[in-house]
Amino acid sequence: MLWRMHESRSGKIEFGFDGAGQEDGYGAWVRERNEAMTAAARQFGLPLGHQVEVWLKDGTLLKGRLLVREFGNSVELMIGRVGFAVNEIESCVRVD
């Protein structure tokens, strides 16, 4: 994929991406990022997509399906509406 930088009529700098498949590029980036998070979770032995009980280091107990979600520029683990990082986990037990 080729890109070029130019100044728009409003005076702002814009990046233009040339070439076919530019919409697929973002989708591929998102997929790769999710796959990396999934691989990291599996490396730590976390059962993504399954029912779990997670104890966080602050004493919080979370029960539900362990998922990954994109949050701003980062990716986090989720149970229900609660997001947390891998380093916040004290223990994780699969219950299904």
C-alpha atoms as a PDB file:
ATOM      1  CA  MET A   1       0.000   0.000   0.000  1.00  0.00           C
ATOM      2  CA  LEU A   2       1.382   3.415  -0.907  1.00  0.00           C
ATOM      3  CA  TRP A   3       0.678   6.605   0.984  1.00  0.00           C
ATOM      4  CA  ARG A   4       1.346  10.248   0.375  1.00  0.00           C
ATOM      5  CA  MET A   5       1.101  13.328   2.527  1.00  0.00           C
ATOM      6  CA  HIS A   6      -0.437  16.559   1.219  1.00  0.00           C
ATOM      7  CA  GLU A   7      -1.913  19.788   2.496  1.00  0.00           C
ATOM      8  CA  SER A   8      -5.681  20.120   2.088  1.00  0.00           C
ATOM      9  CA  ARG A   9      -7.577  23.275   1.171  1.00  0.00           C
ATOM     10  CA  SER A  10      -8.173  23.951   4.843  1.00  0.00           C
ATOM     11  CA  GLY A  11      -4.423  23.973   5.459  1.00  0.00           C
ATOM     12  CA  LYS A  12      -4.441  20.730   7.435  1.00  0.00           C
ATOM     13  CA  ILE A  13      -2.024  17.948   6.623  1.00  0.00           C
ATOM     14  CA  GLU A  14      -3.744  14.800   5.392  1.00  0.00           C
ATOM     15  CA  PHE A  15      -2.498  11.357   4.539  1.00  0.00           C
ATOM     16  CA  GLY A  16      -3.805   9.739   1.377  1.00  0.00           C
ATOM     17  CA  PHE A  17      -3.567   6.003   0.881  1.00  0.00           C
ATOM     18  CA  ASP A  18      -3.389   4.726  -2.668  1.00  0.00           C
ATOM     19  CA  GLY A  19      -3.942   1.234  -3.909  1.00  0.00           C
ATOM     20  CA  ALA A  20      -6.572  -1.446  -3.795  1.00  0.00           C
ATOM     21  CA  GLY A  21      -7.736  -3.011  -0.593  1.00  0.00           C
ATOM     22  CA  GLN A  22      -7.205  -0.095   1.759  1.00  0.00           C
ATOM     23  CA  GLU A  23     -10.397  -0.966   3.661  1.00  0.00           C
ATOM     24  CA  ASP A  24      -9.069  -4.500   4.046  1.00  0.00           C
ATOM     25  CA  GLY A  25      -5.862  -3.092   5.565  1.00  0.00           C
ATOM     26  CA  TYR A  26      -7.628  -1.769   8.655  1.00  0.00           C
ATOM     27  CA  GLY A  27      -9.634  -4.958   9.021  1.00  0.00           C
ATOM     28  CA  ALA A  28      -6.445  -6.999   8.790  1.00  0.00           C
ATOM     29  CA  TRP A  29      -4.800  -4.788  11.419  1.00  0.00           C
ATOM     30  CA  VAL A  30      -7.748  -5.276  13.814  1.00  0.00           C
ATOM     31  CA  ARG A  31      -7.727  -9.043  13.228  1.00  0.00           C
ATOM     32  CA  GLU A  32      -3.957  -9.244  13.817  1.00  0.00           C
ATOM     33  CA  ARG A  33      -4.270  -7.235  17.010  1.00  0.00           C
ATOM     34  CA  ASN A  34      -7.075  -9.448  18.320  1.00  0.00           C
ATOM     35  CA  GLU A  35      -5.122 -12.553  17.381  1.00  0.00           C
ATOM     36  CA  ALA A  36      -2.093 -11.215  19.274  1.00  0.00           C
ATOM     37  CA  MET A  37      -4.210 -10.606  22.378  1.00  0.00           C
ATOM     38  CA  THR A  38      -5.760 -14.050  22.057  1.00  0.00           C
ATOM     39  CA  ALA A  39      -2.296 -15.601  21.751  1.00  0.00           C
ATOM     40  CA  ALA A  40      -1.099 -13.668  24.815  1.00  0.00           C
ATOM     41  CA  ALA A  41      -4.150 -14.765  26.812  1.00  0.00           C
ATOM     42  CA  ARG A  42      -3.564 -18.383  25.815  1.00  0.00           C
ATOM     43  CA  GLN A  43       0.121 -18.045  26.742  1.00  0.00           C
ATOM     44  CA  PHE A  44      -1.019 -17.098  30.246  1.00  0.00           C
ATOM     45  CA  GLY A  45      -3.483 -20.014  30.210  1.00  0.00           C
ATOM     46  CA  LEU A  46      -6.632 -17.861  30.083  1.00  0.00           C
ATOM     47  CA  PRO A  47      -9.712 -19.615  28.639  1.00  0.00           C
ATOM     48  CA  LEU A  48     -11.078 -16.947  26.291  1.00  0.00           C
ATOM     49  CA  GLY A  49     -14.712 -17.392  25.295  1.00  0.00           C
ATOM     50  CA  HIS A  50     -15.517 -19.638  28.256  1.00  0.00           C
ATOM     51  CA  GLN A  51     -17.344 -19.163  31.557  1.00  0.00           C
ATOM     52  CA  VAL A  52     -14.817 -18.310  34.258  1.00  0.00           C
ATOM     53  CA  GLU A  53     -14.370 -17.043  37.796  1.00  0.00           C
ATOM     54  CA  VAL A  54     -11.625 -14.437  37.961  1.00  0.00           C
ATOM     55  CA  TRP A  55     -10.210 -13.056  41.186  1.00  0.00           C
ATOM     56  CA  LEU A  56      -8.482  -9.731  40.672  1.00  0.00           C
ATOM     57  CA  LYS A  57      -5.559  -8.678  42.878  1.00  0.00           C
ATOM     58  CA  ASP A  58      -7.759  -6.036  44.551  1.00  0.00           C
ATOM     59  CA  GLY A  59     -10.085  -8.797  45.845  1.00  0.00           C
ATOM     60  CA  THR A  60     -12.827  -8.425  43.216  1.00  0.00           C
ATOM     61  CA  LEU A  61     -14.499 -11.631  42.023  1.00  0.00           C
ATOM     62  CA  LEU A  62     -15.814 -11.615  38.449  1.00  0.00           C
ATOM     63  CA  LYS A  63     -17.978 -14.392  37.003  1.00  0.00           C
ATOM     64  CA  GLY A  64     -18.953 -14.756  33.359  1.00  0.00           C
ATOM     65  CA  ARG A  65     -17.635 -15.287  29.853  1.00  0.00           C
ATOM     66  CA  LEU A  66     -14.031 -14.116  29.388  1.00  0.00           C
ATOM     67  CA  LEU A  67     -13.737 -11.935  26.291  1.00  0.00           C
ATOM     68  CA  VAL A  68     -11.262  -9.587  24.638  1.00  0.00           C
ATOM     69  CA  ARG A  69     -12.265  -6.110  23.498  1.00  0.00           C
ATOM     70  CA  GLU A  70     -10.578  -3.135  21.934  1.00  0.00           C
ATOM     71  CA  PHE A  71     -10.567  -0.103  24.225  1.00  0.00           C
ATOM     72  CA  GLY A  72      -9.163   3.047  22.631  1.00  0.00           C
ATOM     73  CA  ASN A  73      -5.610   2.232  21.600  1.00  0.00           C
ATOM     74  CA  SER A  74      -5.350  -0.847  23.748  1.00  0.00           C
ATOM     75  CA  VAL A  75      -6.965  -4.224  24.138  1.00  0.00           C
ATOM     76  CA  GLU A  76      -8.375  -5.478  27.421  1.00  0.00           C
ATOM     77  CA  LEU A  77     -10.005  -8.549  28.894  1.00  0.00           C
ATOM     78  CA  MET A  78     -13.697  -8.316  29.765  1.00  0.00           C
ATOM     79  CA  ILE A  79     -16.245 -10.124  31.879  1.00  0.00           C
ATOM     80  CA  GLY A  80     -19.650  -8.552  31.473  1.00  0.00           C
ATOM     81  CA  ARG A  81     -19.138  -4.790  31.526  1.00  0.00           C
ATOM     82  CA  VAL A  82     -15.912  -4.922  33.551  1.00  0.00           C
ATOM     83  CA  GLY A  83     -12.605  -4.509  31.748  1.00  0.00           C
ATOM     84  CA  PHE A  84      -9.220  -5.427  33.209  1.00  0.00           C
ATOM     85  CA  ALA A  85      -5.640  -6.197  32.229  1.00  0.00           C
ATOM     86  CA  VAL A  86      -3.852  -9.536  32.434  1.00  0.00           C
ATOM     87  CA  ASN A  87      -1.545  -8.210  35.170  1.00  0.00           C
ATOM     88  CA  GLU A  88      -4.566  -7.477  37.417  1.00  0.00           C
ATOM     89  CA  ILE A  89      -5.521 -11.176  37.637  1.00  0.00           C
ATOM     90  CA  GLU A  90      -4.816 -13.098  40.832  1.00  0.00           C
ATOM     91  CA  SER A  91      -6.473 -16.309  39.585  1.00  0.00           C
ATOM     92  CA  CYS A  92      -8.716 -17.502  36.781  1.00  0.00           C
ATOM     93  CA  VAL A  93     -10.727 -20.733  36.846  1.00  0.00           C
ATOM     94  CA  ARG A  94     -12.799 -22.095  33.985  1.00  0.00           C
ATOM     95  CA  VAL A  95     -16.213 -23.208  35.247  1.00  0.00           C
ATOM     96  CA  ASP A  96     -17.950 -24.599  32.136  1.00  0.00           C
END
